[in-house]
Structures are given as C-alpha cells and as structure tokens.
Amino acid sequence: MSGTPHRIAAGLDRLAGGLNRVVWAGAAGFLVLMLGLVFIQIVGRYGFSDAPSWTEEGARYAMVWSGLLGGVVAFHQDADPVLVQVTDRHPLWLRRLRAWSGSACIAVFLGVLLVNSLGFVARASARHTESLDWNLGIVVAILPLYAGLVMIQAVLKLAIFELRAAGGGAVADEG
C-alpha cells in the first residue's frame, strides 16, 4: 500500500510541473514581447526621432507580467531566496517544519495579497491606460493571478512532501 502515496505524489508532481511549464511559457512570452516593444521604441527613437508612445506602456506592462509569472516559476523550482537552507540531509522533522512554516507564510502574505488585489482589480477596471486605452483591470489582473498560482504551487509542494513522507520514500527520515 506504500506505493499508493508515491503514485499520488508522482501525479501531483506531474500536475505541478505541467502548470509550471504553462506559466514559464507565459513569462517567456511576455519577456519576448517586452524586448520586441523596447526594440521598436529604440528604432523609432533613434531611427526616426519619434518613438510610438504605446511601446513604452506596453513594455512596462509586459515586464510586470513577465516578472510576476517568473516569480511563480522561481517558487516552483525552489529558486526563490530562503533564510535557512534545509536539504534532504536534514532530519524529517526539520524538513517538515520548513515545509509547513513556508506554506503558512505564503498563505498569510499571499492570502492578503489575493484578497486585497481582487478589490484593486475591481477599482482599476473603471480606468483605462493612457496610450493603449486598455482596461486597467486587465493589466493589474496579474496580482491575484500571481498570488493564486503561488498558493496552488505551495499546496501541491506540501501535498507531495507529505505523501512522500507517508510512503517512506525519498523524503522520509533515514534515522
């Protein structure tokens, strides 16, 4: 029966990886868009002495979307900064403490961001951007999306950790 937690953990790991690939593609796409808009801006400014005003605004929004989606990818890949590095060499109780305390911090901080950003998006949707005339709610929708995606990845990480620990696998304590 110990194989069941490992199979569930493997399925959740595939789900988290698939979600990460989609988010990574979005982050990369917005980064390419930002670079393309900056290139148009440079050619317009130095080649024609007049850059289209919408390129600066579009590049700024693409940078924000790329950066926050990149933050989700960094969290999934454990590339985010940590105060204390806890590795597989540490005892299970310490790894469990790190996993649960990290998830609690994410729930508190990003939960507040998620709740407050929904109101922010609602208020912003009554306005439009200057150059592109886009609904500002669409532009700032990245905030609740970011918070939600990181929270989903945190829950998946925690579930995978606990399932592997319950199954006596790589996460389980050796001693």
N, C-alpha and C. Protein backbone atom coordinates (compact mmCIF):
# COMPACT_ATOMS: atom_id res chain seq x y z
N MET A 1 0.81 -1.19 0.00
CA MET A 1 0.00 0.00 0.00
C MET A 1 0.85 1.26 0.00
N SER A 2 2.16 1.09 0.33
CA SER A 2 3.02 2.27 0.36
C SER A 2 3.25 2.84 -1.03
N GLY A 3 2.93 2.09 -2.07
CA GLY A 3 3.07 2.60 -3.43
C GLY A 3 2.02 3.62 -3.79
N THR A 4 0.85 3.55 -3.12
CA THR A 4 -0.23 4.49 -3.43
C THR A 4 0.15 5.94 -3.15
N PRO A 5 0.71 6.25 -1.98
CA PRO A 5 1.11 7.66 -1.77
C PRO A 5 2.14 8.13 -2.79
N HIS A 6 3.04 7.23 -3.19
CA HIS A 6 4.05 7.62 -4.18
C HIS A 6 3.42 7.87 -5.54
N ARG A 7 2.43 7.07 -5.90
CA ARG A 7 1.76 7.29 -7.19
C ARG A 7 0.98 8.61 -7.18
N ILE A 8 0.31 8.88 -6.07
CA ILE A 8 -0.41 10.15 -5.96
C ILE A 8 0.57 11.32 -5.99
N ALA A 9 1.67 11.18 -5.26
CA ALA A 9 2.70 12.23 -5.25
C ALA A 9 3.27 12.44 -6.64
N ALA A 10 3.50 11.34 -7.36
CA ALA A 10 4.04 11.45 -8.72
C ALA A 10 3.04 12.17 -9.64
N GLY A 11 1.74 11.87 -9.47
CA GLY A 11 0.72 12.55 -10.27
C GLY A 11 0.65 14.03 -9.95
N LEU A 12 0.71 14.36 -8.67
CA LEU A 12 0.71 15.77 -8.28
C LEU A 12 1.97 16.49 -8.76
N ASP A 13 3.08 15.76 -8.75
CA ASP A 13 4.34 16.34 -9.25
C ASP A 13 4.23 16.64 -10.75
N ARG A 14 3.61 15.73 -11.49
CA ARG A 14 3.39 15.98 -12.93
C ARG A 14 2.45 17.17 -13.14
N LEU A 15 1.41 17.25 -12.30
CA LEU A 15 0.49 18.38 -12.39
C LEU A 15 1.20 19.70 -12.12
N ALA A 16 2.00 19.74 -11.06
CA ALA A 16 2.76 20.96 -10.73
C ALA A 16 3.74 21.30 -11.84
N GLY A 17 4.39 20.28 -12.39
CA GLY A 17 5.33 20.52 -13.49
C GLY A 17 4.64 21.04 -14.74
N GLY A 18 3.47 20.48 -15.04
CA GLY A 18 2.71 20.97 -16.20
C GLY A 18 2.26 22.40 -16.03
N LEU A 19 1.78 22.72 -14.83
CA LEU A 19 1.38 24.09 -14.53
C LEU A 19 2.58 25.02 -14.65
N ASN A 20 3.73 24.57 -14.16
CA ASN A 20 4.95 25.38 -14.24
C ASN A 20 5.36 25.63 -15.69
N ARG A 21 5.22 24.62 -16.54
CA ARG A 21 5.58 24.81 -17.96
C ARG A 21 4.68 25.85 -18.63
N VAL A 22 3.40 25.83 -18.31
CA VAL A 22 2.47 26.82 -18.87
C VAL A 22 2.83 28.22 -18.38
N VAL A 23 3.09 28.35 -17.09
CA VAL A 23 3.45 29.65 -16.52
C VAL A 23 4.79 30.13 -17.08
N TRP A 24 5.75 29.20 -17.23
CA TRP A 24 7.05 29.55 -17.79
C TRP A 24 6.88 30.07 -19.22
N ALA A 25 6.03 29.42 -20.00
CA ALA A 25 5.79 29.87 -21.37
C ALA A 25 5.18 31.28 -21.38
N GLY A 26 4.27 31.54 -20.45
CA GLY A 26 3.70 32.88 -20.34
C GLY A 26 4.74 33.92 -19.96
N ALA A 27 5.58 33.58 -18.99
CA ALA A 27 6.64 34.51 -18.58
C ALA A 27 7.60 34.78 -19.72
N ALA A 28 7.99 33.73 -20.43
CA ALA A 28 8.90 33.89 -21.57
C ALA A 28 8.24 34.70 -22.69
N GLY A 29 6.96 34.44 -22.92
CA GLY A 29 6.24 35.18 -23.96
C GLY A 29 6.16 36.67 -23.66
N PHE A 30 5.87 37.00 -22.41
CA PHE A 30 5.81 38.42 -22.03
C PHE A 30 7.20 39.06 -22.07
N LEU A 31 8.24 38.28 -21.77
CA LEU A 31 9.59 38.81 -21.86
C LEU A 31 9.96 39.11 -23.31
N VAL A 32 9.62 38.21 -24.21
CA VAL A 32 9.88 38.43 -25.64
C VAL A 32 9.08 39.63 -26.14
N LEU A 33 7.83 39.74 -25.70
CA LEU A 33 7.01 40.89 -26.07
C LEU A 33 7.65 42.19 -25.59
N MET A 34 8.11 42.18 -24.33
CA MET A 34 8.75 43.38 -23.78
C MET A 34 9.98 43.75 -24.61
N LEU A 35 10.82 42.77 -24.92
CA LEU A 35 12.02 43.05 -25.72
C LEU A 35 11.67 43.57 -27.10
N GLY A 36 10.63 42.99 -27.70
CA GLY A 36 10.19 43.47 -29.02
C GLY A 36 9.70 44.91 -28.97
N LEU A 37 8.94 45.24 -27.95
CA LEU A 37 8.44 46.61 -27.82
C LEU A 37 9.57 47.60 -27.54
N VAL A 38 10.54 47.18 -26.73
CA VAL A 38 11.70 48.05 -26.48
C VAL A 38 12.50 48.23 -27.77
N PHE A 39 12.63 47.19 -28.55
CA PHE A 39 13.35 47.30 -29.83
C PHE A 39 12.64 48.28 -30.76
N ILE A 40 11.31 48.18 -30.84
CA ILE A 40 10.55 49.12 -31.66
C ILE A 40 10.76 50.55 -31.15
N GLN A 41 10.79 50.69 -29.84
CA GLN A 41 10.99 52.01 -29.24
C GLN A 41 12.37 52.57 -29.59
N ILE A 42 13.39 51.73 -29.53
CA ILE A 42 14.75 52.18 -29.85
C ILE A 42 14.86 52.57 -31.32
N VAL A 43 14.32 51.73 -32.20
CA VAL A 43 14.36 52.04 -33.64
C VAL A 43 13.58 53.33 -33.91
N GLY A 44 12.44 53.47 -33.30
CA GLY A 44 11.64 54.68 -33.50
C GLY A 44 12.33 55.92 -32.99
N ARG A 45 12.93 55.81 -31.81
CA ARG A 45 13.56 56.99 -31.21
C ARG A 45 14.82 57.40 -31.96
N TYR A 46 15.69 56.44 -32.26
CA TYR A 46 16.99 56.79 -32.85
C TYR A 46 16.98 56.72 -34.37
N GLY A 47 16.06 55.95 -34.93
CA GLY A 47 15.99 55.87 -36.38
C GLY A 47 15.10 56.91 -37.00
N PHE A 48 14.02 57.23 -36.30
CA PHE A 48 13.04 58.16 -36.87
C PHE A 48 12.80 59.38 -35.98
N SER A 49 13.53 59.49 -34.90
CA SER A 49 13.41 60.60 -33.93
C SER A 49 12.01 60.72 -33.33
N ASP A 50 11.23 59.65 -33.39
CA ASP A 50 9.89 59.68 -32.81
C ASP A 50 9.45 58.25 -32.52
N ALA A 51 9.48 57.88 -31.26
CA ALA A 51 9.05 56.54 -30.86
C ALA A 51 7.56 56.53 -30.56
N PRO A 52 6.87 55.49 -30.96
CA PRO A 52 5.44 55.41 -30.61
C PRO A 52 5.27 55.36 -29.09
N SER A 53 4.35 56.14 -28.57
CA SER A 53 4.19 56.22 -27.12
C SER A 53 3.66 54.92 -26.52
N TRP A 54 2.93 54.16 -27.29
CA TRP A 54 2.34 52.94 -26.76
C TRP A 54 3.38 51.86 -26.48
N THR A 55 4.57 51.95 -27.10
CA THR A 55 5.58 50.90 -26.88
C THR A 55 6.11 50.94 -25.45
N GLU A 56 6.28 52.13 -24.90
CA GLU A 56 6.77 52.24 -23.52
C GLU A 56 5.77 51.66 -22.54
N GLU A 57 4.51 51.99 -22.71
CA GLU A 57 3.48 51.48 -21.81
C GLU A 57 3.32 49.97 -21.96
N GLY A 58 3.32 49.50 -23.19
CA GLY A 58 3.21 48.06 -23.42
C GLY A 58 4.39 47.29 -22.85
N ALA A 59 5.58 47.83 -23.01
CA ALA A 59 6.78 47.18 -22.47
C ALA A 59 6.73 47.13 -20.95
N ARG A 60 6.24 48.18 -20.34
CA ARG A 60 6.14 48.23 -18.87
C ARG A 60 5.17 47.16 -18.36
N TYR A 61 4.03 47.03 -19.01
CA TYR A 61 3.06 46.02 -18.57
C TYR A 61 3.58 44.61 -18.84
N ALA A 62 4.25 44.42 -19.97
CA ALA A 62 4.82 43.11 -20.28
C ALA A 62 5.90 42.74 -19.27
N MET A 63 6.68 43.74 -18.81
CA MET A 63 7.71 43.49 -17.81
C MET A 63 7.09 43.04 -16.49
N VAL A 64 6.01 43.69 -16.07
CA VAL A 64 5.35 43.33 -14.82
C VAL A 64 4.78 41.91 -14.91
N TRP A 65 4.11 41.60 -16.00
CA TRP A 65 3.54 40.26 -16.16
C TRP A 65 4.64 39.21 -16.23
N SER A 66 5.70 39.49 -16.98
CA SER A 66 6.81 38.54 -17.08
C SER A 66 7.48 38.32 -15.74
N GLY A 67 7.70 39.39 -15.01
CA GLY A 67 8.37 39.28 -13.71
C GLY A 67 7.56 38.50 -12.70
N LEU A 68 6.26 38.75 -12.62
CA LEU A 68 5.45 38.04 -11.64
C LEU A 68 5.23 36.58 -12.04
N LEU A 69 5.04 36.31 -13.31
CA LEU A 69 4.94 34.92 -13.75
C LEU A 69 6.28 34.21 -13.54
N GLY A 70 7.38 34.92 -13.75
CA GLY A 70 8.70 34.36 -13.47
C GLY A 70 8.88 34.05 -12.00
N GLY A 71 8.26 34.84 -11.13
CA GLY A 71 8.31 34.58 -9.70
C GLY A 71 7.61 33.27 -9.35
N VAL A 72 6.53 32.97 -10.03
CA VAL A 72 5.83 31.69 -9.83
C VAL A 72 6.74 30.53 -10.24
N VAL A 73 7.41 30.69 -11.38
CA VAL A 73 8.34 29.66 -11.86
C VAL A 73 9.48 29.49 -10.87
N ALA A 74 10.04 30.58 -10.38
CA ALA A 74 11.13 30.51 -9.41
C ALA A 74 10.69 29.79 -8.14
N PHE A 75 9.48 30.05 -7.69
CA PHE A 75 8.97 29.37 -6.50
C PHE A 75 8.85 27.87 -6.75
N HIS A 76 8.31 27.50 -7.90
CA HIS A 76 8.15 26.08 -8.21
C HIS A 76 9.51 25.37 -8.25
N GLN A 77 10.51 26.04 -8.80
CA GLN A 77 11.83 25.42 -8.96
C GLN A 77 12.73 25.63 -7.74
N ASP A 78 12.18 26.12 -6.64
CA ASP A 78 12.94 26.41 -5.42
C ASP A 78 14.11 27.34 -5.68
N ALA A 79 13.93 28.27 -6.59
CA ALA A 79 14.98 29.24 -6.90
C ALA A 79 14.72 30.56 -6.17
N ASP A 80 13.68 30.59 -5.35
CA ASP A 80 13.40 31.80 -4.58
C ASP A 80 14.33 31.87 -3.38
N PRO A 81 14.63 33.06 -2.90
CA PRO A 81 15.55 33.18 -1.77
C PRO A 81 14.94 32.62 -0.49
N VAL A 82 15.78 31.98 0.31
CA VAL A 82 15.34 31.44 1.60
C VAL A 82 16.29 31.91 2.69
N LEU A 83 15.78 31.98 3.92
CA LEU A 83 16.62 32.39 5.04
C LEU A 83 17.50 31.24 5.52
N VAL A 84 16.94 30.03 5.56
CA VAL A 84 17.66 28.86 6.04
C VAL A 84 17.55 27.77 4.99
N GLN A 85 18.67 27.25 4.55
CA GLN A 85 18.68 26.19 3.55
C GLN A 85 18.51 24.84 4.24
N VAL A 86 17.37 24.18 4.02
CA VAL A 86 17.11 22.86 4.58
C VAL A 86 17.13 21.87 3.43
N THR A 87 18.03 20.89 3.52
CA THR A 87 18.20 19.92 2.43
C THR A 87 17.73 18.54 2.86
N ASP A 88 17.84 17.58 1.98
CA ASP A 88 17.45 16.20 2.29
C ASP A 88 18.33 15.57 3.35
N ARG A 89 19.49 16.16 3.63
CA ARG A 89 20.37 15.62 4.67
C ARG A 89 19.86 15.92 6.08
N HIS A 90 18.98 16.90 6.20
CA HIS A 90 18.42 17.28 7.50
C HIS A 90 17.34 16.27 7.91
N PRO A 91 17.08 16.17 9.22
CA PRO A 91 16.06 15.23 9.68
C PRO A 91 14.66 15.60 9.16
N LEU A 92 13.81 14.60 9.13
CA LEU A 92 12.46 14.78 8.59
C LEU A 92 11.69 15.86 9.35
N TRP A 93 11.83 15.92 10.68
CA TRP A 93 11.07 16.90 11.44
C TRP A 93 11.45 18.32 11.04
N LEU A 94 12.72 18.56 10.70
CA LEU A 94 13.15 19.89 10.30
C LEU A 94 12.65 20.22 8.89
N ARG A 95 12.70 19.22 8.02
CA ARG A 95 12.17 19.43 6.66
C ARG A 95 10.67 19.67 6.69
N ARG A 96 9.98 18.96 7.57
CA ARG A 96 8.53 19.16 7.72
C ARG A 96 8.26 20.55 8.29
N LEU A 97 9.01 20.98 9.28
CA LEU A 97 8.85 22.32 9.84
C LEU A 97 9.06 23.38 8.77
N ARG A 98 10.08 23.20 7.95
CA ARG A 98 10.35 24.14 6.87
C ARG A 98 9.20 24.17 5.87
N ALA A 99 8.69 23.00 5.50
CA ALA A 99 7.60 22.91 4.52
C ALA A 99 6.33 23.58 5.05
N TRP A 100 5.96 23.26 6.28
CA TRP A 100 4.72 23.81 6.84
C TRP A 100 4.84 25.29 7.19
N SER A 101 5.98 25.71 7.72
CA SER A 101 6.13 27.13 8.05
C SER A 101 6.20 27.98 6.79
N GLY A 102 6.87 27.45 5.75
CA GLY A 102 6.90 28.18 4.47
C GLY A 102 5.51 28.31 3.87
N SER A 103 4.73 27.23 3.94
CA SER A 103 3.36 27.27 3.41
C SER A 103 2.49 28.22 4.22
N ALA A 104 2.70 28.25 5.54
CA ALA A 104 1.93 29.17 6.38
C ALA A 104 2.25 30.63 6.02
N CYS A 105 3.52 30.92 5.81
CA CYS A 105 3.90 32.29 5.42
C CYS A 105 3.29 32.67 4.08
N ILE A 106 3.31 31.74 3.15
CA ILE A 106 2.72 32.00 1.84
C ILE A 106 1.22 32.23 1.97
N ALA A 107 0.56 31.41 2.78
CA ALA A 107 -0.88 31.56 2.96
C ALA A 107 -1.21 32.92 3.56
N VAL A 108 -0.43 33.37 4.53
CA VAL A 108 -0.71 34.65 5.18
C VAL A 108 -0.43 35.81 4.22
N PHE A 109 0.76 35.88 3.69
CA PHE A 109 1.14 37.04 2.88
C PHE A 109 0.42 37.06 1.53
N LEU A 110 0.41 35.94 0.84
CA LEU A 110 -0.24 35.94 -0.46
C LEU A 110 -1.75 35.86 -0.34
N GLY A 111 -2.24 35.34 0.78
CA GLY A 111 -3.68 35.38 1.01
C GLY A 111 -4.17 36.81 1.14
N VAL A 112 -3.41 37.61 1.86
CA VAL A 112 -3.76 39.03 1.99
C VAL A 112 -3.66 39.71 0.62
N LEU A 113 -2.61 39.41 -0.13
CA LEU A 113 -2.47 39.99 -1.47
C LEU A 113 -3.64 39.58 -2.36
N LEU A 114 -3.99 38.30 -2.32
CA LEU A 114 -5.08 37.80 -3.15
C LEU A 114 -6.39 38.51 -2.82
N VAL A 115 -6.73 38.58 -1.56
CA VAL A 115 -7.99 39.20 -1.15
C VAL A 115 -8.02 40.68 -1.51
N ASN A 116 -6.95 41.40 -1.20
CA ASN A 116 -6.93 42.84 -1.48
C ASN A 116 -6.79 43.15 -2.95
N SER A 117 -6.09 42.29 -3.70
CA SER A 117 -5.90 42.58 -5.12
C SER A 117 -7.19 42.41 -5.91
N LEU A 118 -8.11 41.61 -5.42
CA LEU A 118 -9.39 41.48 -6.12
C LEU A 118 -10.14 42.80 -6.11
N GLY A 119 -10.12 43.49 -4.97
CA GLY A 119 -10.73 44.82 -4.90
C GLY A 119 -9.97 45.83 -5.75
N PHE A 120 -8.65 45.70 -5.77
CA PHE A 120 -7.82 46.59 -6.57
C PHE A 120 -8.14 46.42 -8.05
N VAL A 121 -8.29 45.18 -8.49
CA VAL A 121 -8.64 44.92 -9.90
C VAL A 121 -10.02 45.50 -10.20
N ALA A 122 -10.95 45.34 -9.27
CA ALA A 122 -12.29 45.88 -9.49
C ALA A 122 -12.26 47.41 -9.63
N ARG A 123 -11.48 48.07 -8.75
CA ARG A 123 -11.38 49.54 -8.85
C ARG A 123 -10.63 49.95 -10.12
N ALA A 124 -9.60 49.22 -10.47
CA ALA A 124 -8.81 49.57 -11.66
C ALA A 124 -9.59 49.35 -12.94
N SER A 125 -10.56 48.46 -12.92
CA SER A 125 -11.32 48.19 -14.15
C SER A 125 -12.18 49.37 -14.58
N ALA A 126 -12.34 50.35 -13.72
CA ALA A 126 -13.09 51.56 -14.09
C ALA A 126 -12.22 52.56 -14.82
N ARG A 127 -10.92 52.26 -14.94
CA ARG A 127 -9.99 53.19 -15.60
C ARG A 127 -9.41 52.54 -16.85
N HIS A 128 -8.82 53.38 -17.70
CA HIS A 128 -8.15 52.90 -18.91
C HIS A 128 -6.72 53.44 -18.95
N THR A 129 -5.84 52.68 -19.59
CA THR A 129 -4.45 53.12 -19.70
C THR A 129 -4.36 54.29 -20.67
N GLU A 130 -3.28 55.07 -20.52
CA GLU A 130 -3.16 56.31 -21.30
C GLU A 130 -2.95 56.07 -22.79
N SER A 131 -1.90 55.37 -23.15
CA SER A 131 -1.54 55.24 -24.56
C SER A 131 -2.30 54.14 -25.28
N LEU A 132 -2.45 53.01 -24.61
CA LEU A 132 -3.07 51.85 -25.26
C LEU A 132 -4.58 51.82 -25.12
N ASP A 133 -5.12 52.59 -24.19
CA ASP A 133 -6.54 52.64 -23.91
C ASP A 133 -7.10 51.26 -23.56
N TRP A 134 -6.30 50.49 -22.81
CA TRP A 134 -6.74 49.18 -22.31
C TRP A 134 -7.43 49.38 -20.98
N ASN A 135 -8.32 48.47 -20.67
CA ASN A 135 -8.93 48.46 -19.35
C ASN A 135 -7.83 48.13 -18.34
N LEU A 136 -7.63 48.98 -17.36
CA LEU A 136 -6.55 48.80 -16.40
C LEU A 136 -6.75 47.55 -15.53
N GLY A 137 -7.99 47.11 -15.40
CA GLY A 137 -8.26 45.88 -14.65
C GLY A 137 -7.57 44.68 -15.26
N ILE A 138 -7.47 44.65 -16.58
CA ILE A 138 -6.78 43.55 -17.26
C ILE A 138 -5.28 43.61 -16.97
N VAL A 139 -4.75 44.81 -16.93
CA VAL A 139 -3.32 44.97 -16.69
C VAL A 139 -2.94 44.51 -15.28
N VAL A 140 -3.73 44.88 -14.28
CA VAL A 140 -3.38 44.55 -12.89
C VAL A 140 -3.93 43.19 -12.46
N ALA A 141 -4.59 42.48 -13.34
CA ALA A 141 -5.11 41.15 -13.02
C ALA A 141 -3.98 40.16 -12.71
N ILE A 142 -2.76 40.52 -13.04
CA ILE A 142 -1.63 39.65 -12.73
C ILE A 142 -1.45 39.49 -11.22
N LEU A 143 -1.86 40.45 -10.42
CA LEU A 143 -1.67 40.35 -8.97
C LEU A 143 -2.43 39.18 -8.35
N PRO A 144 -3.75 39.07 -8.55
CA PRO A 144 -4.42 37.89 -7.99
C PRO A 144 -4.01 36.60 -8.70
N LEU A 145 -3.68 36.70 -9.97
CA LEU A 145 -3.21 35.51 -10.69
C LEU A 145 -1.90 35.00 -10.10
N TYR A 146 -0.97 35.91 -9.85
CA TYR A 146 0.31 35.55 -9.22
C TYR A 146 0.09 34.91 -7.86
N ALA A 147 -0.71 35.57 -7.01
CA ALA A 147 -0.94 35.06 -5.66
C ALA A 147 -1.60 33.69 -5.72
N GLY A 148 -2.57 33.54 -6.58
CA GLY A 148 -3.26 32.26 -6.70
C GLY A 148 -2.35 31.15 -7.20
N LEU A 149 -1.53 31.44 -8.20
CA LEU A 149 -0.63 30.43 -8.75
C LEU A 149 0.42 29.99 -7.74
N VAL A 150 0.98 30.93 -6.99
CA VAL A 150 1.97 30.55 -5.98
C VAL A 150 1.30 29.74 -4.87
N MET A 151 0.10 30.12 -4.49
CA MET A 151 -0.60 29.36 -3.45
C MET A 151 -0.92 27.95 -3.93
N ILE A 152 -1.32 27.80 -5.18
CA ILE A 152 -1.57 26.46 -5.73
C ILE A 152 -0.28 25.64 -5.72
N GLN A 153 0.81 26.25 -6.18
CA GLN A 153 2.09 25.52 -6.19
C GLN A 153 2.52 25.17 -4.76
N ALA A 154 2.26 26.03 -3.79
CA ALA A 154 2.62 25.75 -2.40
C ALA A 154 1.83 24.56 -1.86
N VAL A 155 0.53 24.51 -2.15
CA VAL A 155 -0.29 23.39 -1.71
C VAL A 155 0.18 22.10 -2.37
N LEU A 156 0.48 22.17 -3.65
CA LEU A 156 0.97 20.98 -4.35
C LEU A 156 2.30 20.50 -3.76
N LYS A 157 3.22 21.44 -3.49
CA LYS A 157 4.51 21.07 -2.89
C LYS A 157 4.32 20.40 -1.53
N LEU A 158 3.45 20.98 -0.72
CA LEU A 158 3.22 20.44 0.61
C LEU A 158 2.58 19.05 0.54
N ALA A 159 1.62 18.88 -0.35
CA ALA A 159 0.97 17.57 -0.51
C ALA A 159 1.98 16.53 -1.00
N ILE A 160 2.81 16.90 -1.95
CA ILE A 160 3.83 15.98 -2.47
C ILE A 160 4.80 15.60 -1.35
N PHE A 161 5.23 16.58 -0.57
CA PHE A 161 6.14 16.31 0.54
C PHE A 161 5.52 15.32 1.52
N GLU A 162 4.29 15.59 1.95
CA GLU A 162 3.65 14.73 2.95
C GLU A 162 3.35 13.34 2.40
N LEU A 163 2.95 13.25 1.14
CA LEU A 163 2.69 11.93 0.55
C LEU A 163 3.96 11.11 0.45
N ARG A 164 5.05 11.75 0.08
CA ARG A 164 6.32 11.02 0.00
C ARG A 164 6.81 10.62 1.40
N ALA A 165 6.59 11.47 2.38
CA ALA A 165 6.98 11.14 3.75
C ALA A 165 6.12 9.99 4.28
N ALA A 166 4.84 9.99 3.95
CA ALA A 166 3.93 8.92 4.41
C ALA A 166 4.28 7.60 3.74
N GLY A 167 4.76 7.67 2.50
CA GLY A 167 5.08 6.45 1.76
C GLY A 167 6.46 5.90 2.07
N GLY A 168 7.22 6.60 2.90
CA GLY A 168 8.55 6.13 3.26
C GLY A 168 9.57 6.27 2.14
N GLY A 169 9.38 7.24 1.29
CA GLY A 169 10.27 7.40 0.14
C GLY A 169 11.43 8.33 0.41
N ALA A 170 11.81 9.06 -0.60
CA ALA A 170 12.99 9.91 -0.56
C ALA A 170 12.89 11.00 0.51
N VAL A 171 11.68 11.39 0.85
CA VAL A 171 11.51 12.46 1.83
C VAL A 171 11.58 11.90 3.26
N ALA A 172 11.30 10.60 3.42
CA ALA A 172 11.19 10.01 4.76
C ALA A 172 12.55 10.05 5.49
N ASP A 173 12.46 10.04 6.79
CA ASP A 173 13.67 10.10 7.65
C ASP A 173 14.39 8.76 7.61
N GLU A 174 15.70 8.82 7.44
CA GLU A 174 16.50 7.60 7.39
C GLU A 174 16.82 7.09 8.78
N GLY A 175 16.81 7.94 9.78
CA GLY A 175 17.26 7.52 11.10
C GLY A 175 16.25 7.58 12.12
